[in-house]
Amino acid sequence: MVIKSVNGKHPQIPSDCYVAENATIVGDVILGNSCSVWFNAVIRGDVHHIKIGNKVNIQDGAIIHCTYQKHPTEIGNNVSIGHNAIVHGCKIHDNVLIGMGSIVMDNCVVESNSIIAAGAVVTQNTIVESGTIYAGVPAKKVKDIDQSDFAGEIERISNNYVMYSSWFKEE
């Protein structure tokens, strides 16, 4: 793994987090507890800060970055960033699923209990309302989520990634 300081800022990673051997975390990055950063993922806090909450999983090949002097990236608790997703200069609230291969661009806000579908492109300045699914290019609201099922599902995914990461810590 590459854990690197940039301009005097060093990533803060709690001891209960898992960071894969070929993941990269640089600069002004703060991870919460029980996070996992998987193979080939990059978290690059070189041009602004990145704050990541508790039980966030950043899956294989995902990229998290920010915009120089304009937009930090802030991610809440119980968030899953799918394989090869790009999250850039935006705010993601709690209990969100960012689908595989999706892109969330500058100054977007993804409110709690929402899903960004696989392959979606959430264009600059979009606000994804709580309890919705956004899909497509550009991403648009496609439906509301039945919240009675959703909260448990997001918690299950977050807990599974904590479990998966424990397998690698044991090796």
C-alpha atoms as a PDB file:
ATOM      1  CA  MET A   1       0.000   0.000   0.000  1.00  0.00           C
ATOM      2  CA  VAL A   2       1.058   3.565  -0.564  1.00  0.00           C
ATOM      3  CA  ILE A   3       0.342   5.884   2.367  1.00  0.00           C
ATOM      4  CA  LYS A   4       1.964   9.194   1.537  1.00  0.00           C
ATOM      5  CA  SER A   5       2.144  12.733   2.915  1.00  0.00           C
ATOM      6  CA  VAL A   6       1.567  15.677   0.588  1.00  0.00           C
ATOM      7  CA  ASN A   7       2.309  19.285   1.546  1.00  0.00           C
ATOM      8  CA  GLY A   8       2.704  18.293   5.185  1.00  0.00           C
ATOM      9  CA  LYS A   9      -0.658  16.503   5.351  1.00  0.00           C
ATOM     10  CA  HIS A  10      -0.586  12.803   6.253  1.00  0.00           C
ATOM     11  CA  PRO A  11      -3.525  10.383   5.961  1.00  0.00           C
ATOM     12  CA  GLN A  12      -5.178   9.459   9.262  1.00  0.00           C
ATOM     13  CA  ILE A  13      -6.167   5.806   9.272  1.00  0.00           C
ATOM     14  CA  PRO A  14      -7.504   4.097  12.422  1.00  0.00           C
ATOM     15  CA  SER A  15      -5.923   0.753  13.293  1.00  0.00           C
ATOM     16  CA  ASP A  16      -9.199  -1.131  12.740  1.00  0.00           C
ATOM     17  CA  CYS A  17      -9.316  -0.169   9.040  1.00  0.00           C
ATOM     18  CA  TYR A  18      -8.178  -2.480   6.276  1.00  0.00           C
ATOM     19  CA  VAL A  19      -6.096  -1.059   3.405  1.00  0.00           C
ATOM     20  CA  ALA A  20      -5.160  -3.468   0.605  1.00  0.00           C
ATOM     21  CA  GLU A  21      -1.505  -3.868  -0.324  1.00  0.00           C
ATOM     22  CA  ASN A  22      -1.866  -1.997  -3.633  1.00  0.00           C
ATOM     23  CA  ALA A  23      -4.299   0.721  -2.519  1.00  0.00           C
ATOM     24  CA  THR A  24      -3.087   4.326  -2.433  1.00  0.00           C
ATOM     25  CA  ILE A  25      -4.025   6.951   0.166  1.00  0.00           C
ATOM     26  CA  VAL A  26      -2.284  10.316   0.010  1.00  0.00           C
ATOM     27  CA  GLY A  27      -2.500  13.730   1.631  1.00  0.00           C
ATOM     28  CA  ASP A  28      -5.288  15.242   3.706  1.00  0.00           C
ATOM     29  CA  VAL A  29      -7.420  12.127   4.191  1.00  0.00           C
ATOM     30  CA  ILE A  30      -9.239  11.101   7.371  1.00  0.00           C
ATOM     31  CA  LEU A  31     -10.813   7.643   7.544  1.00  0.00           C
ATOM     32  CA  GLY A  32     -13.381   6.734  10.204  1.00  0.00           C
ATOM     33  CA  ASN A  33     -13.467   3.465  12.101  1.00  0.00           C
ATOM     34  CA  SER A  34     -13.935   0.051  10.461  1.00  0.00           C
ATOM     35  CA  CYS A  35     -13.355   1.281   6.904  1.00  0.00           C
ATOM     36  CA  SER A  36     -11.896  -0.808   4.114  1.00  0.00           C
ATOM     37  CA  VAL A  37      -9.960   0.340   1.065  1.00  0.00           C
ATOM     38  CA  TRP A  38      -9.675  -2.444  -1.485  1.00  0.00           C
ATOM     39  CA  PHE A  39      -7.300  -3.439  -4.250  1.00  0.00           C
ATOM     40  CA  ASN A  40      -6.195  -0.662  -6.636  1.00  0.00           C
ATOM     41  CA  ALA A  41      -8.395   1.944  -4.932  1.00  0.00           C
ATOM     42  CA  VAL A  42      -7.014   5.487  -4.770  1.00  0.00           C
ATOM     43  CA  ILE A  43      -7.931   8.179  -2.232  1.00  0.00           C
ATOM     44  CA  ARG A  44      -6.095  11.342  -3.217  1.00  0.00           C
ATOM     45  CA  GLY A  45      -6.331  14.240  -0.775  1.00  0.00           C
ATOM     46  CA  ASP A  46      -3.628  16.321  -2.409  1.00  0.00           C
ATOM     47  CA  VAL A  47      -5.621  19.379  -3.529  1.00  0.00           C
ATOM     48  CA  HIS A  48      -8.296  19.502  -0.805  1.00  0.00           C
ATOM     49  CA  HIS A  49      -9.387  17.396   2.169  1.00  0.00           C
ATOM     50  CA  ILE A  50     -11.247  14.095   2.096  1.00  0.00           C
ATOM     51  CA  LYS A  51     -13.225  12.994   5.170  1.00  0.00           C
ATOM     52  CA  ILE A  52     -14.661   9.500   5.289  1.00  0.00           C
ATOM     53  CA  GLY A  53     -17.033   8.272   8.006  1.00  0.00           C
ATOM     54  CA  ASN A  54     -17.302   4.939   9.807  1.00  0.00           C
ATOM     55  CA  LYS A  55     -17.874   1.573   8.110  1.00  0.00           C
ATOM     56  CA  VAL A  56     -17.228   2.874   4.599  1.00  0.00           C
ATOM     57  CA  ASN A  57     -15.998   0.412   2.005  1.00  0.00           C
ATOM     58  CA  ILE A  58     -14.114   1.702  -1.005  1.00  0.00           C
ATOM     59  CA  GLN A  59     -14.084  -1.196  -3.391  1.00  0.00           C
ATOM     60  CA  ASP A  60     -11.560  -2.335  -5.976  1.00  0.00           C
ATOM     61  CA  GLY A  61     -10.415   0.311  -8.440  1.00  0.00           C
ATOM     62  CA  ALA A  62     -12.501   3.144  -6.982  1.00  0.00           C
ATOM     63  CA  ILE A  63     -11.066   6.656  -7.095  1.00  0.00           C
ATOM     64  CA  ILE A  64     -11.862   9.374  -4.584  1.00  0.00           C
ATOM     65  CA  HIS A  65     -10.501  12.851  -5.270  1.00  0.00           C
ATOM     66  CA  CYS A  66     -11.453  16.508  -4.793  1.00  0.00           C
ATOM     67  CA  THR A  67     -11.181  19.882  -6.545  1.00  0.00           C
ATOM     68  CA  TYR A  68      -8.338  22.293  -5.882  1.00  0.00           C
ATOM     69  CA  GLN A  69      -9.428  25.055  -3.484  1.00  0.00           C
ATOM     70  CA  LYS A  70     -13.110  24.500  -4.338  1.00  0.00           C
ATOM     71  CA  HIS A  71     -14.674  21.183  -3.412  1.00  0.00           C
ATOM     72  CA  PRO A  72     -13.514  18.754  -0.734  1.00  0.00           C
ATOM     73  CA  THR A  73     -14.955  15.257  -0.671  1.00  0.00           C
ATOM     74  CA  GLU A  74     -16.958  14.212   2.378  1.00  0.00           C
ATOM     75  CA  ILE A  75     -18.437  10.758   2.811  1.00  0.00           C
ATOM     76  CA  GLY A  76     -20.770   9.783   5.666  1.00  0.00           C
ATOM     77  CA  ASN A  77     -21.180   6.512   7.571  1.00  0.00           C
ATOM     78  CA  ASN A  78     -22.193   3.128   6.153  1.00  0.00           C
ATOM     79  CA  VAL A  79     -21.384   4.065   2.566  1.00  0.00           C
ATOM     80  CA  SER A  80     -20.378   1.579  -0.123  1.00  0.00           C
ATOM     81  CA  ILE A  81     -18.349   2.926  -3.046  1.00  0.00           C
ATOM     82  CA  GLY A  82     -18.625   0.246  -5.746  1.00  0.00           C
ATOM     83  CA  HIS A  83     -15.874  -1.202  -7.902  1.00  0.00           C
ATOM     84  CA  ASN A  84     -14.331   1.327 -10.334  1.00  0.00           C
ATOM     85  CA  ALA A  85     -16.554   4.197  -9.179  1.00  0.00           C
ATOM     86  CA  ILE A  86     -15.262   7.772  -9.220  1.00  0.00           C
ATOM     87  CA  VAL A  87     -16.273  10.137  -6.412  1.00  0.00           C
ATOM     88  CA  HIS A  88     -14.968  13.665  -6.991  1.00  0.00           C
ATOM     89  CA  GLY A  89     -15.375  16.864  -4.969  1.00  0.00           C
ATOM     90  CA  CYS A  90     -18.809  16.010  -3.592  1.00  0.00           C
ATOM     91  CA  LYS A  91     -20.698  15.226  -0.403  1.00  0.00           C
ATOM     92  CA  ILE A  92     -22.198  11.800   0.231  1.00  0.00           C
ATOM     93  CA  HIS A  93     -24.382  11.447   3.310  1.00  0.00           C
ATOM     94  CA  ASP A  94     -24.969   8.306   5.450  1.00  0.00           C
ATOM     95  CA  ASN A  95     -26.326   4.969   4.222  1.00  0.00           C
ATOM     96  CA  VAL A  96     -25.614   5.388   0.523  1.00  0.00           C
ATOM     97  CA  LEU A  97     -24.660   2.902  -2.182  1.00  0.00           C
ATOM     98  CA  ILE A  98     -22.557   4.270  -5.044  1.00  0.00           C
ATOM     99  CA  GLY A  99     -22.862   1.631  -7.761  1.00  0.00           C
ATOM    100  CA  MET A 100     -20.077  -0.002  -9.700  1.00  0.00           C
ATOM    101  CA  GLY A 101     -18.542   2.152 -12.407  1.00  0.00           C
ATOM    102  CA  SER A 102     -20.611   5.199 -11.529  1.00  0.00           C
ATOM    103  CA  ILE A 103     -19.294   8.758 -11.401  1.00  0.00           C
ATOM    104  CA  VAL A 104     -20.322  11.434  -8.900  1.00  0.00           C
ATOM    105  CA  MET A 105     -18.953  14.812  -9.971  1.00  0.00           C
ATOM    106  CA  ASP A 106     -18.037  18.130  -8.345  1.00  0.00           C
ATOM    107  CA  ASN A 107     -20.396  19.881  -5.955  1.00  0.00           C
ATOM    108  CA  CYS A 108     -22.959  17.073  -5.960  1.00  0.00           C
ATOM    109  CA  VAL A 109     -24.801  16.121  -2.800  1.00  0.00           C
ATOM    110  CA  VAL A 110     -26.065  12.570  -2.383  1.00  0.00           C
ATOM    111  CA  GLU A 111     -28.464  12.634   0.547  1.00  0.00           C
ATOM    112  CA  SER A 112     -28.918   9.742   2.993  1.00  0.00           C
ATOM    113  CA  ASN A 113     -30.557   6.436   2.157  1.00  0.00           C
ATOM    114  CA  SER A 114     -29.992   6.733  -1.590  1.00  0.00           C
ATOM    115  CA  ILE A 115     -28.558   4.658  -4.413  1.00  0.00           C
ATOM    116  CA  ILE A 116     -26.525   5.733  -7.422  1.00  0.00           C
ATOM    117  CA  ALA A 117     -27.010   2.935  -9.944  1.00  0.00           C
ATOM    118  CA  ALA A 118     -24.110   1.134 -11.582  1.00  0.00           C
ATOM    119  CA  GLY A 119     -22.710   3.123 -14.491  1.00  0.00           C
ATOM    120  CA  ALA A 120     -24.620   6.309 -13.652  1.00  0.00           C
ATOM    121  CA  VAL A 121     -23.030   9.723 -14.167  1.00  0.00           C
ATOM    122  CA  VAL A 122     -24.197  12.246 -11.589  1.00  0.00           C
ATOM    123  CA  THR A 123     -23.302  15.551 -13.213  1.00  0.00           C
ATOM    124  CA  GLN A 124     -21.907  18.613 -11.452  1.00  0.00           C
ATOM    125  CA  ASN A 125     -24.158  20.385  -8.900  1.00  0.00           C
ATOM    126  CA  THR A 126     -26.798  17.625  -8.803  1.00  0.00           C
ATOM    127  CA  ILE A 127     -28.655  17.032  -5.527  1.00  0.00           C
ATOM    128  CA  VAL A 128     -29.792  13.440  -5.099  1.00  0.00           C
ATOM    129  CA  GLU A 129     -32.764  13.497  -2.753  1.00  0.00           C
ATOM    130  CA  SER A 130     -32.879  11.205   0.257  1.00  0.00           C
ATOM    131  CA  GLY A 131     -34.545   7.879  -0.375  1.00  0.00           C
ATOM    132  CA  THR A 132     -34.164   7.800  -4.164  1.00  0.00           C
ATOM    133  CA  ILE A 133     -32.401   5.862  -6.893  1.00  0.00           C
ATOM    134  CA  TYR A 134     -30.594   7.812  -9.608  1.00  0.00           C
ATOM    135  CA  ALA A 135     -29.528   6.060 -12.830  1.00  0.00           C
ATOM    136  CA  GLY A 136     -28.434   6.832 -16.364  1.00  0.00           C
ATOM    137  CA  VAL A 137     -26.173   9.251 -18.204  1.00  0.00           C
ATOM    138  CA  PRO A 138     -26.738  11.893 -17.064  1.00  0.00           C
ATOM    139  CA  ALA A 139     -28.210  10.403 -13.900  1.00  0.00           C
ATOM    140  CA  LYS A 140     -31.851  11.190 -13.152  1.00  0.00           C
ATOM    141  CA  LYS A 141     -34.236  10.057 -10.433  1.00  0.00           C
ATOM    142  CA  VAL A 142     -35.802   6.762 -11.487  1.00  0.00           C
ATOM    143  CA  LYS A 143     -37.727   5.875  -8.339  1.00  0.00           C
ATOM    144  CA  ASP A 144     -38.190   6.227  -4.619  1.00  0.00           C
ATOM    145  CA  ILE A 145     -36.796   3.520  -2.349  1.00  0.00           C
ATOM    146  CA  ASP A 146     -38.944   1.531   0.075  1.00  0.00           C
ATOM    147  CA  GLN A 147     -37.124   2.622   3.237  1.00  0.00           C
ATOM    148  CA  SER A 148     -38.351  -0.340   5.314  1.00  0.00           C
ATOM    149  CA  ASP A 149     -36.149  -2.690   3.282  1.00  0.00           C
ATOM    150  CA  PHE A 150     -33.363  -0.294   2.402  1.00  0.00           C
ATOM    151  CA  ALA A 151     -31.809   0.596   5.777  1.00  0.00           C
ATOM    152  CA  GLY A 152     -31.212  -3.029   6.655  1.00  0.00           C
ATOM    153  CA  GLU A 153     -29.696  -3.772   3.259  1.00  0.00           C
ATOM    154  CA  ILE A 154     -27.158  -0.932   3.451  1.00  0.00           C
ATOM    155  CA  GLU A 155     -26.225  -1.943   6.999  1.00  0.00           C
ATOM    156  CA  ARG A 156     -25.808  -5.550   5.815  1.00  0.00           C
ATOM    157  CA  ILE A 157     -23.412  -4.494   3.030  1.00  0.00           C
ATOM    158  CA  SER A 158     -21.355  -2.335   5.410  1.00  0.00           C
ATOM    159  CA  ASN A 159     -21.157  -5.140   7.961  1.00  0.00           C
ATOM    160  CA  ASN A 160     -20.187  -7.651   5.269  1.00  0.00           C
ATOM    161  CA  TYR A 161     -17.251  -5.499   4.193  1.00  0.00           C
ATOM    162  CA  VAL A 162     -16.068  -5.263   7.806  1.00  0.00           C
ATOM    163  CA  MET A 163     -16.228  -9.074   7.877  1.00  0.00           C
ATOM    164  CA  TYR A 164     -14.427  -9.442   4.509  1.00  0.00           C
ATOM    165  CA  SER A 165     -11.638  -7.156   5.645  1.00  0.00           C
ATOM    166  CA  SER A 166     -11.164  -9.254   8.807  1.00  0.00           C
ATOM    167  CA  TRP A 167     -10.261 -12.205   6.579  1.00  0.00           C
ATOM    168  CA  PHE A 168      -7.340 -10.269   5.128  1.00  0.00           C
ATOM    169  CA  LYS A 169      -6.160  -8.936   8.488  1.00  0.00           C
ATOM    170  CA  GLU A 170      -5.835 -12.503   9.749  1.00  0.00           C
ATOM    171  CA  GLU A 171      -3.391 -13.495   6.988  1.00  0.00           C
END
